[in-house]
N, C-alpha and C. Protein backbone atom coordinates (compact mmCIF):
# COMPACT_ATOMS: atom_id res chain seq x y z
N MET A 1 -22.32 -10.91 -0.54
CA MET A 1 -23.18 -9.71 -0.61
C MET A 1 -22.17 -8.57 -1.15
N PRO A 2 -22.64 -7.77 -2.08
CA PRO A 2 -21.64 -6.76 -2.69
C PRO A 2 -21.16 -5.80 -1.59
N ARG A 3 -20.03 -5.19 -1.96
CA ARG A 3 -19.46 -4.13 -1.10
C ARG A 3 -19.30 -2.90 -1.81
N LEU A 4 -19.14 -1.73 -1.14
CA LEU A 4 -18.99 -0.51 -1.80
C LEU A 4 -17.56 -0.10 -1.79
N ALA A 5 -16.97 -0.02 -3.09
CA ALA A 5 -15.57 0.57 -3.24
C ALA A 5 -15.68 2.14 -3.26
N PHE A 6 -14.70 2.77 -2.69
CA PHE A 6 -14.83 4.29 -2.61
C PHE A 6 -13.41 4.78 -2.76
N MET A 7 -13.17 5.62 -3.76
CA MET A 7 -11.88 6.25 -4.04
C MET A 7 -11.99 7.76 -3.99
N THR A 8 -11.02 8.36 -3.32
CA THR A 8 -10.94 9.83 -3.31
C THR A 8 -9.64 10.33 -3.90
N ALA A 9 -9.74 11.56 -4.39
CA ALA A 9 -8.52 12.27 -4.83
C ALA A 9 -8.82 13.73 -5.07
N ALA A 10 -7.94 14.54 -4.68
CA ALA A 10 -8.03 16.03 -4.82
C ALA A 10 -6.65 16.59 -4.89
N THR A 11 -6.68 17.87 -5.41
CA THR A 11 -5.25 18.61 -5.55
C THR A 11 -4.95 19.48 -4.45
N LEU A 12 -3.87 19.19 -3.79
CA LEU A 12 -3.37 20.04 -2.69
C LEU A 12 -2.93 21.46 -3.32
N HIS A 13 -3.10 22.57 -2.52
CA HIS A 13 -2.56 23.75 -2.99
C HIS A 13 -1.03 23.70 -3.11
N LYS A 14 -0.46 22.94 -2.17
CA LYS A 14 1.03 22.94 -2.09
C LYS A 14 1.39 21.45 -1.80
N SER A 15 2.68 21.13 -1.89
CA SER A 15 3.19 19.78 -1.74
C SER A 15 3.08 19.43 -0.32
N TYR A 16 3.18 18.10 -0.11
CA TYR A 16 3.13 17.50 1.23
C TYR A 16 3.91 18.13 2.32
N ASP A 17 5.10 18.60 1.92
CA ASP A 17 6.04 19.09 2.86
C ASP A 17 5.92 20.61 3.06
N HIS A 18 4.97 21.23 2.43
CA HIS A 18 4.82 22.64 2.55
C HIS A 18 4.00 22.97 3.80
N PRO A 19 4.37 24.16 4.59
CA PRO A 19 3.66 24.47 5.78
C PRO A 19 2.08 24.59 5.46
N ARG A 20 1.64 25.03 4.38
CA ARG A 20 0.17 25.18 4.14
C ARG A 20 -0.51 23.88 4.18
N THR A 21 0.12 22.77 3.94
CA THR A 21 -0.57 21.52 3.98
C THR A 21 -0.41 20.79 5.25
N GLN A 22 0.33 21.29 6.20
CA GLN A 22 0.61 20.61 7.51
C GLN A 22 -0.60 20.19 8.32
N GLY A 23 -1.62 21.09 8.30
CA GLY A 23 -2.87 20.72 9.05
C GLY A 23 -3.54 19.48 8.43
N PHE A 24 -3.47 19.27 7.09
CA PHE A 24 -4.04 18.17 6.45
C PHE A 24 -3.18 16.86 6.71
N ILE A 25 -1.86 16.99 6.74
CA ILE A 25 -0.91 15.93 7.06
C ILE A 25 -1.11 15.50 8.44
N GLU A 26 -1.21 16.38 9.42
CA GLU A 26 -1.47 16.01 10.77
C GLU A 26 -2.62 15.25 11.11
N ARG A 27 -3.70 15.53 10.21
CA ARG A 27 -4.95 14.83 10.43
C ARG A 27 -5.14 13.43 9.70
N THR A 28 -4.15 13.19 8.91
CA THR A 28 -4.14 11.99 8.16
C THR A 28 -4.17 10.69 8.93
N GLY A 29 -3.28 10.60 9.89
CA GLY A 29 -3.34 9.41 10.76
C GLY A 29 -4.68 9.23 11.57
N PRO A 30 -5.06 10.29 12.20
CA PRO A 30 -6.39 10.25 13.01
C PRO A 30 -7.51 9.91 12.08
N THR A 31 -7.52 10.46 10.89
CA THR A 31 -8.63 10.22 9.96
C THR A 31 -8.68 8.76 9.52
N PHE A 32 -7.57 8.17 9.17
CA PHE A 32 -7.54 6.75 8.83
C PHE A 32 -7.90 5.94 9.97
N ALA A 33 -7.52 6.22 11.23
CA ALA A 33 -7.90 5.45 12.33
C ALA A 33 -9.43 5.54 12.47
N ALA A 34 -9.93 6.69 12.37
CA ALA A 34 -11.41 6.85 12.51
C ALA A 34 -12.14 6.00 11.48
N ALA A 35 -11.61 6.01 10.32
CA ALA A 35 -12.19 5.18 9.15
C ALA A 35 -12.25 3.80 9.51
N GLU A 36 -11.05 3.23 10.06
CA GLU A 36 -10.95 1.85 10.34
C GLU A 36 -11.79 1.54 11.56
N ALA A 37 -12.07 2.48 12.42
CA ALA A 37 -12.94 2.22 13.56
C ALA A 37 -14.52 2.31 13.21
N SER A 38 -14.80 2.77 11.98
CA SER A 38 -16.10 3.11 11.64
C SER A 38 -16.99 1.87 11.42
N GLU A 39 -18.19 1.90 11.84
CA GLU A 39 -19.22 0.97 11.42
C GLU A 39 -19.37 0.71 9.99
N GLY A 40 -19.11 -0.48 9.48
CA GLY A 40 -19.38 -0.76 8.05
C GLY A 40 -17.98 -0.69 7.27
N PHE A 41 -16.83 -0.20 7.90
CA PHE A 41 -15.59 -0.25 7.21
C PHE A 41 -15.09 -1.70 6.98
N ILE A 42 -14.49 -1.98 5.87
CA ILE A 42 -13.94 -3.29 5.68
C ILE A 42 -12.40 -3.29 5.65
N MET A 43 -11.94 -2.39 4.58
CA MET A 43 -10.48 -2.30 4.49
C MET A 43 -10.13 -1.18 3.63
N ARG A 44 -8.84 -0.79 3.71
CA ARG A 44 -8.40 0.36 2.80
C ARG A 44 -6.97 0.10 2.28
N SER A 45 -6.60 0.65 1.19
CA SER A 45 -5.29 0.70 0.76
C SER A 45 -4.37 1.39 1.62
N LEU A 46 -3.16 0.93 1.70
CA LEU A 46 -2.22 1.62 2.59
C LEU A 46 -1.24 2.27 1.73
N TRP A 47 -1.47 2.66 0.56
CA TRP A 47 -0.68 3.39 -0.40
C TRP A 47 -0.02 4.59 0.29
N PRO A 48 1.15 4.83 0.17
CA PRO A 48 2.11 4.24 -0.68
C PRO A 48 3.05 3.06 -0.16
N ASP A 49 2.53 2.40 0.82
CA ASP A 49 3.32 1.23 1.29
C ASP A 49 3.60 0.25 0.12
N PRO A 50 4.83 -0.12 -0.10
CA PRO A 50 5.08 -0.96 -1.23
C PRO A 50 4.51 -2.44 -1.16
N ASP A 51 4.20 -2.95 0.05
CA ASP A 51 3.48 -4.15 0.04
C ASP A 51 1.94 -4.09 -0.34
N ASP A 52 1.53 -2.84 -0.40
CA ASP A 52 0.16 -2.68 -0.79
C ASP A 52 -0.17 -2.97 -2.21
N VAL A 53 0.91 -2.84 -3.07
CA VAL A 53 0.65 -3.12 -4.51
C VAL A 53 0.17 -4.56 -4.75
N ARG A 54 0.48 -5.48 -3.89
CA ARG A 54 0.12 -6.83 -4.00
C ARG A 54 -1.39 -6.97 -3.93
N ILE A 55 -1.97 -6.16 -3.14
CA ILE A 55 -3.51 -6.18 -2.97
C ILE A 55 -4.25 -5.30 -3.92
N TRP A 56 -3.78 -4.06 -3.90
CA TRP A 56 -4.64 -3.01 -4.64
C TRP A 56 -4.03 -2.65 -5.96
N GLY A 57 -2.89 -3.22 -6.35
CA GLY A 57 -2.26 -2.82 -7.64
C GLY A 57 -1.49 -1.51 -7.48
N GLU A 58 -0.76 -1.18 -8.57
CA GLU A 58 0.00 0.02 -8.66
C GLU A 58 -1.00 1.28 -8.74
N TRP A 59 -0.65 2.34 -8.12
CA TRP A 59 -1.37 3.48 -8.19
C TRP A 59 -1.44 3.97 -9.64
N VAL A 60 -2.71 4.24 -10.24
CA VAL A 60 -2.88 4.70 -11.58
C VAL A 60 -3.65 6.03 -11.25
N VAL A 61 -3.11 7.00 -11.98
CA VAL A 61 -3.67 8.36 -11.77
C VAL A 61 -4.96 8.69 -12.62
N PRO A 62 -5.99 8.98 -12.10
CA PRO A 62 -7.21 9.40 -12.96
C PRO A 62 -6.67 10.42 -14.02
N ARG A 63 -7.26 10.43 -15.22
CA ARG A 63 -6.84 11.32 -16.31
C ARG A 63 -6.88 12.82 -15.85
N MET A 64 -7.91 13.04 -15.01
CA MET A 64 -8.11 14.49 -14.65
C MET A 64 -6.91 15.03 -13.80
N PHE A 65 -6.05 14.13 -13.30
CA PHE A 65 -4.95 14.65 -12.46
C PHE A 65 -3.57 14.58 -13.18
N GLN A 66 -3.50 14.02 -14.33
CA GLN A 66 -2.30 13.63 -14.96
C GLN A 66 -1.52 14.89 -15.47
N SER A 67 -2.15 16.04 -15.58
CA SER A 67 -1.49 17.31 -16.01
C SER A 67 -0.80 17.96 -14.92
N ILE A 68 -0.89 17.50 -13.58
CA ILE A 68 -0.27 18.23 -12.56
C ILE A 68 0.72 17.38 -11.92
N ASP A 69 1.50 17.87 -10.99
CA ASP A 69 2.52 17.12 -10.17
C ASP A 69 1.80 16.16 -9.20
N TYR A 70 1.28 15.18 -9.81
CA TYR A 70 0.30 14.33 -8.92
C TYR A 70 0.99 13.60 -7.74
N GLU A 71 2.28 13.35 -8.03
CA GLU A 71 2.95 12.53 -6.91
C GLU A 71 3.18 13.40 -5.72
N ASN A 72 3.12 14.76 -5.84
CA ASN A 72 3.36 15.63 -4.66
C ASN A 72 2.07 16.40 -4.27
N LEU A 73 1.05 16.31 -5.11
CA LEU A 73 -0.13 17.18 -4.87
C LEU A 73 -1.45 16.32 -4.74
N VAL A 74 -1.46 15.11 -5.06
CA VAL A 74 -2.80 14.35 -5.03
C VAL A 74 -2.61 13.32 -4.10
N PRO A 75 -3.27 13.41 -2.84
CA PRO A 75 -3.39 12.33 -1.88
C PRO A 75 -4.50 11.50 -2.19
N PRO A 76 -4.37 10.20 -2.66
CA PRO A 76 -5.54 9.38 -3.00
C PRO A 76 -5.81 8.48 -1.79
N THR A 77 -7.14 8.04 -1.76
CA THR A 77 -7.57 6.87 -0.85
C THR A 77 -8.38 5.96 -1.76
N LEU A 78 -8.38 4.69 -1.39
CA LEU A 78 -9.12 3.70 -1.85
C LEU A 78 -9.59 2.72 -0.77
N SER A 79 -10.90 2.48 -0.55
CA SER A 79 -11.27 1.64 0.50
C SER A 79 -12.56 0.89 0.22
N LEU A 80 -12.81 -0.07 1.05
CA LEU A 80 -14.04 -1.07 0.80
C LEU A 80 -14.95 -0.87 2.07
N TRP A 81 -16.23 -0.64 1.83
CA TRP A 81 -17.33 -0.46 2.90
C TRP A 81 -18.46 -1.37 2.80
N GLN A 82 -19.19 -1.68 3.71
CA GLN A 82 -20.28 -2.65 3.71
C GLN A 82 -21.41 -2.02 2.90
N ASP A 83 -21.61 -0.65 2.98
CA ASP A 83 -22.71 0.04 2.36
C ASP A 83 -22.39 1.58 2.23
N ILE A 84 -23.33 2.16 1.50
CA ILE A 84 -23.09 3.63 1.33
C ILE A 84 -23.31 4.49 2.52
N GLU A 85 -24.21 3.96 3.37
CA GLU A 85 -24.47 4.67 4.67
C GLU A 85 -23.33 4.70 5.53
N SER A 86 -22.47 3.67 5.49
CA SER A 86 -21.32 3.53 6.35
C SER A 86 -20.24 4.67 5.94
N VAL A 87 -19.97 4.68 4.69
CA VAL A 87 -19.00 5.63 4.18
C VAL A 87 -19.50 7.13 4.35
N PHE A 88 -20.79 7.24 4.12
CA PHE A 88 -21.36 8.65 4.31
C PHE A 88 -21.37 9.08 5.73
N ALA A 89 -21.59 8.11 6.69
CA ALA A 89 -21.51 8.48 8.20
C ALA A 89 -20.02 8.87 8.48
N PHE A 90 -19.09 8.06 8.04
CA PHE A 90 -17.70 8.48 8.25
C PHE A 90 -17.38 9.88 7.69
N ALA A 91 -17.77 10.11 6.40
CA ALA A 91 -17.29 11.28 5.72
C ALA A 91 -17.87 12.50 6.36
N TYR A 92 -19.02 12.46 6.84
CA TYR A 92 -19.72 13.67 7.22
C TYR A 92 -19.83 13.73 8.89
N ASN A 93 -19.08 13.01 9.57
CA ASN A 93 -19.06 13.05 11.10
C ASN A 93 -17.71 12.94 11.53
N GLY A 94 -17.46 13.32 12.80
CA GLY A 94 -16.30 13.08 13.45
C GLY A 94 -14.97 13.84 12.89
N VAL A 95 -13.76 13.22 12.99
CA VAL A 95 -12.61 13.81 12.60
C VAL A 95 -12.51 14.11 11.10
N HIS A 96 -13.14 13.27 10.26
CA HIS A 96 -13.20 13.52 8.85
C HIS A 96 -13.99 14.73 8.57
N ALA A 97 -15.16 14.85 9.14
CA ALA A 97 -16.04 16.12 8.89
C ALA A 97 -15.28 17.30 9.31
N GLU A 98 -14.55 17.21 10.49
CA GLU A 98 -13.82 18.46 10.91
C GLU A 98 -12.74 18.83 9.87
N ALA A 99 -12.06 17.91 9.31
CA ALA A 99 -11.01 18.08 8.21
C ALA A 99 -11.69 18.52 7.00
N PHE A 100 -12.85 17.89 6.66
CA PHE A 100 -13.55 18.27 5.40
C PHE A 100 -14.00 19.67 5.41
N ARG A 101 -14.33 20.20 6.54
CA ARG A 101 -14.80 21.60 6.65
C ARG A 101 -13.56 22.64 6.42
N LYS A 102 -12.36 22.12 6.68
CA LYS A 102 -11.11 22.96 6.45
C LYS A 102 -10.51 22.64 5.06
N ARG A 103 -11.11 21.87 4.24
CA ARG A 103 -10.46 21.48 2.92
C ARG A 103 -10.08 22.64 2.06
N ARG A 104 -10.61 23.72 2.11
CA ARG A 104 -10.24 24.98 1.31
C ARG A 104 -8.89 25.38 1.70
N GLU A 105 -8.49 25.25 2.89
CA GLU A 105 -7.27 25.52 3.44
C GLU A 105 -6.08 24.82 2.70
N TRP A 106 -6.48 23.56 2.33
CA TRP A 106 -5.35 22.71 1.80
C TRP A 106 -5.49 22.22 0.46
N PHE A 107 -6.78 22.34 -0.12
CA PHE A 107 -7.04 21.80 -1.46
C PHE A 107 -7.57 22.90 -2.43
N ALA A 108 -7.16 22.73 -3.67
CA ALA A 108 -7.63 23.58 -4.67
C ALA A 108 -9.20 23.33 -4.85
N PRO A 109 -9.90 24.36 -5.24
CA PRO A 109 -11.34 24.14 -5.53
C PRO A 109 -11.54 22.95 -6.64
N LEU A 110 -12.46 22.17 -6.38
CA LEU A 110 -12.71 21.09 -7.27
C LEU A 110 -13.52 21.53 -8.50
N THR A 111 -12.99 21.15 -9.62
CA THR A 111 -13.71 21.52 -10.91
C THR A 111 -14.17 20.01 -11.47
N MET A 112 -13.93 18.99 -10.65
CA MET A 112 -14.12 17.67 -11.16
C MET A 112 -14.53 16.87 -9.86
N PRO A 113 -14.99 15.67 -10.01
CA PRO A 113 -15.42 14.91 -8.76
C PRO A 113 -14.17 14.67 -7.86
N GLY A 114 -14.46 14.60 -6.59
CA GLY A 114 -13.39 14.44 -5.52
C GLY A 114 -13.45 13.05 -5.04
N TYR A 115 -14.39 12.32 -5.39
CA TYR A 115 -14.66 10.92 -4.95
C TYR A 115 -15.47 10.17 -5.94
N VAL A 116 -15.39 8.87 -6.00
CA VAL A 116 -16.24 8.03 -6.75
C VAL A 116 -16.57 6.84 -5.99
N ALA A 117 -17.80 6.21 -6.09
CA ALA A 117 -18.17 5.07 -5.51
C ALA A 117 -18.73 4.05 -6.55
N TRP A 118 -18.56 2.77 -6.27
CA TRP A 118 -19.13 1.79 -7.18
C TRP A 118 -19.11 0.46 -6.34
N TRP A 119 -20.08 -0.34 -6.80
CA TRP A 119 -20.15 -1.70 -6.10
C TRP A 119 -19.36 -2.77 -6.64
N VAL A 120 -18.81 -3.60 -5.78
CA VAL A 120 -17.98 -4.85 -6.29
C VAL A 120 -18.48 -6.02 -5.56
N ALA A 121 -18.18 -7.18 -6.23
CA ALA A 121 -18.52 -8.35 -5.59
C ALA A 121 -17.84 -8.61 -4.29
N ASP A 122 -18.45 -9.46 -3.36
CA ASP A 122 -17.96 -9.59 -2.04
C ASP A 122 -16.52 -10.22 -2.01
N ASP A 123 -16.13 -10.91 -3.09
CA ASP A 123 -14.80 -11.49 -3.10
C ASP A 123 -13.86 -10.65 -3.93
N HIS A 124 -14.18 -9.51 -4.21
CA HIS A 124 -13.31 -8.59 -5.15
C HIS A 124 -12.79 -7.41 -4.39
N ILE A 125 -11.35 -7.24 -4.62
CA ILE A 125 -10.74 -6.05 -4.04
C ILE A 125 -10.40 -5.11 -5.21
N PRO A 126 -10.98 -3.95 -5.21
CA PRO A 126 -10.67 -3.18 -6.39
C PRO A 126 -9.21 -2.68 -6.50
N THR A 127 -8.82 -2.34 -7.66
CA THR A 127 -7.48 -1.84 -7.89
C THR A 127 -7.52 -0.39 -8.14
N TRP A 128 -6.28 0.32 -8.00
CA TRP A 128 -6.20 1.73 -8.31
C TRP A 128 -6.53 1.93 -9.69
N GLN A 129 -6.21 0.98 -10.59
CA GLN A 129 -6.50 1.23 -12.10
C GLN A 129 -8.04 1.22 -12.26
N GLU A 130 -8.69 0.24 -11.59
CA GLU A 130 -10.16 0.14 -11.57
C GLU A 130 -10.82 1.60 -11.06
N GLY A 131 -10.24 2.02 -9.90
CA GLY A 131 -10.79 3.26 -9.32
C GLY A 131 -10.54 4.44 -10.20
N SER A 132 -9.46 4.55 -10.83
CA SER A 132 -9.16 5.58 -11.77
C SER A 132 -9.97 5.64 -13.01
N GLN A 133 -10.31 4.42 -13.52
CA GLN A 133 -11.20 4.27 -14.64
C GLN A 133 -12.57 4.81 -14.16
N ARG A 134 -13.06 4.39 -12.98
CA ARG A 134 -14.37 4.86 -12.52
C ARG A 134 -14.39 6.33 -12.19
N PHE A 135 -13.29 6.92 -11.77
CA PHE A 135 -13.18 8.44 -11.63
C PHE A 135 -13.34 9.04 -13.01
N ASP A 136 -12.63 8.48 -14.03
CA ASP A 136 -12.76 9.09 -15.26
C ASP A 136 -14.09 8.99 -15.90
N GLN A 137 -14.77 7.86 -15.68
CA GLN A 137 -16.09 7.56 -16.13
C GLN A 137 -17.10 8.62 -15.52
N LEU A 138 -17.02 8.75 -14.09
CA LEU A 138 -17.88 9.73 -13.39
C LEU A 138 -17.66 11.18 -14.00
N GLU A 139 -16.46 11.57 -14.26
CA GLU A 139 -16.20 12.90 -14.72
C GLU A 139 -16.79 13.14 -16.14
N ALA A 140 -16.48 12.02 -16.98
CA ALA A 140 -17.04 12.11 -18.35
C ALA A 140 -18.43 11.93 -18.66
N GLU A 141 -19.05 11.02 -17.83
CA GLU A 141 -20.47 10.69 -18.12
C GLU A 141 -21.43 11.05 -17.12
N GLY A 142 -20.97 11.44 -15.85
CA GLY A 142 -21.85 11.70 -14.76
C GLY A 142 -22.25 10.46 -14.06
N PRO A 143 -22.98 10.53 -12.97
CA PRO A 143 -23.24 9.44 -12.18
C PRO A 143 -24.07 8.33 -12.89
N ALA A 144 -23.69 7.09 -12.71
CA ALA A 144 -24.29 5.91 -13.27
C ALA A 144 -24.12 4.76 -12.36
N PRO A 145 -24.73 3.66 -12.48
CA PRO A 145 -24.46 2.51 -11.53
C PRO A 145 -23.03 2.11 -11.49
N ALA A 146 -22.28 2.32 -12.48
CA ALA A 146 -20.80 1.88 -12.39
C ALA A 146 -19.87 2.91 -11.71
N ALA A 147 -20.31 4.10 -11.65
CA ALA A 147 -19.51 5.18 -10.98
C ALA A 147 -20.48 6.24 -10.57
N PHE A 148 -20.59 6.53 -9.22
CA PHE A 148 -21.55 7.44 -8.70
C PHE A 148 -21.10 8.19 -7.49
N ASP A 149 -21.90 9.11 -7.02
CA ASP A 149 -21.46 9.94 -5.83
C ASP A 149 -22.71 9.87 -4.74
N PHE A 150 -22.50 10.74 -3.72
CA PHE A 150 -23.60 10.71 -2.75
C PHE A 150 -24.91 11.40 -3.23
N LYS A 151 -24.72 12.38 -4.12
CA LYS A 151 -25.93 13.04 -4.54
C LYS A 151 -26.72 12.24 -5.51
N HIS A 152 -26.09 11.26 -6.18
CA HIS A 152 -26.89 10.28 -7.14
C HIS A 152 -26.38 8.82 -6.93
N PRO A 153 -26.79 8.32 -5.75
CA PRO A 153 -26.27 7.03 -5.45
C PRO A 153 -27.00 5.92 -6.16
N TYR A 154 -26.39 4.70 -6.32
CA TYR A 154 -27.08 3.55 -6.86
C TYR A 154 -26.92 2.43 -5.96
N GLY A 155 -27.81 1.49 -5.96
CA GLY A 155 -27.63 0.20 -5.28
C GLY A 155 -26.82 -0.81 -5.97
N PRO A 156 -26.55 -1.93 -5.33
CA PRO A 156 -25.89 -3.01 -5.97
C PRO A 156 -26.59 -3.50 -7.21
N ASP A 157 -27.92 -3.39 -7.22
CA ASP A 157 -28.66 -3.91 -8.32
C ASP A 157 -28.70 -2.85 -9.57
N GLY A 158 -27.93 -1.79 -9.40
CA GLY A 158 -27.88 -0.75 -10.49
C GLY A 158 -29.02 0.20 -10.40
N GLN A 159 -29.91 0.16 -9.47
CA GLN A 159 -30.99 1.08 -9.45
C GLN A 159 -30.76 2.28 -8.54
N PRO A 160 -31.23 3.41 -8.85
CA PRO A 160 -30.97 4.62 -7.97
C PRO A 160 -31.57 4.30 -6.63
N VAL A 161 -30.88 4.85 -5.65
CA VAL A 161 -31.36 4.64 -4.21
C VAL A 161 -31.25 5.95 -3.52
N ARG A 162 -31.89 6.05 -2.32
CA ARG A 162 -31.72 7.18 -1.47
C ARG A 162 -30.80 6.74 -0.33
N ILE A 163 -29.93 7.67 0.18
CA ILE A 163 -29.17 7.33 1.32
C ILE A 163 -30.03 7.39 2.58
N ASP A 164 -30.06 6.40 3.32
CA ASP A 164 -30.99 6.30 4.51
C ASP A 164 -30.37 7.04 5.53
N ARG A 165 -30.83 8.27 5.96
CA ARG A 165 -30.24 9.23 6.80
C ARG A 165 -30.44 8.72 8.22
N GLU A 166 -31.40 7.87 8.53
CA GLU A 166 -31.51 7.24 9.86
C GLU A 166 -30.44 6.22 10.17
N VAL A 167 -30.12 5.46 9.10
CA VAL A 167 -29.08 4.49 9.28
C VAL A 167 -27.72 5.22 9.33
N VAL A 168 -27.58 6.29 8.58
CA VAL A 168 -26.33 7.11 8.83
C VAL A 168 -26.14 7.63 10.20
N ARG A 169 -27.27 8.16 10.74
CA ARG A 169 -27.18 8.62 12.15
C ARG A 169 -26.94 7.57 13.08
N ARG A 170 -27.50 6.41 12.90
CA ARG A 170 -27.15 5.23 13.78
C ARG A 170 -25.77 4.92 13.69
N LYS A 171 -25.19 4.69 12.54
CA LYS A 171 -23.82 4.36 12.38
C LYS A 171 -22.85 5.45 12.99
N ALA A 172 -23.17 6.63 12.71
CA ALA A 172 -22.34 7.76 13.33
C ALA A 172 -22.34 7.70 14.80
N ALA A 173 -23.49 7.45 15.43
CA ALA A 173 -23.65 7.22 16.83
C ALA A 173 -22.79 6.07 17.41
N ILE A 174 -22.89 4.96 16.70
CA ILE A 174 -22.13 3.78 17.09
C ILE A 174 -20.65 4.20 17.08
N HIS A 175 -20.23 4.85 15.99
CA HIS A 175 -18.75 5.14 16.02
C HIS A 175 -18.45 6.18 17.12
N LYS A 176 -19.32 7.09 17.28
CA LYS A 176 -19.00 7.97 18.44
C LYS A 176 -18.86 7.36 19.73
N ARG A 177 -19.67 6.37 19.97
CA ARG A 177 -19.59 5.59 21.29
C ARG A 177 -18.41 4.82 21.29
N LYS A 178 -17.92 4.20 20.23
CA LYS A 178 -16.68 3.40 20.21
C LYS A 178 -15.44 4.17 20.59
N ILE A 179 -15.41 5.46 19.97
CA ILE A 179 -14.15 6.19 20.20
C ILE A 179 -14.21 7.08 21.58
N SER A 180 -15.34 7.16 22.18
CA SER A 180 -15.41 7.99 23.45
C SER A 180 -14.82 7.20 24.62
């Protein structure tokens, strides 16, 4: 069964060690733990862990971030999910939603996509290079079956789909019960 690959990247106002970003840094561990406990979560890259390269490859920067100090200003994530409703439920509920509401404190306004989603075969683990290519594709061409967002999602068959909000609510409720 296909799985959903999901990559995020955005530009911090200041470097990781700057006081302005500390609220973001403090939420990173709890947010990753919440993702890992989420209904439908499969796995995530542990970048910048050196052992992570063996599984997810070297981090490749999407073209849109290459003109900035990306090593100090762009915190990326790459993960695998069972379906789009699972990652949507995680993104807009719980600790991630709380951090997402405060994103303007830590991140520069987006003039480009902040995430990209695409389907992969059940035996495939996407690489950072693949994710960066999908990011670039989404920015250059807009949503399509190979690179899309929540506003214009596609199913594994390449057809446009609607995110099932009832499934999202159910998954968010399951997660909330797990962590309570």
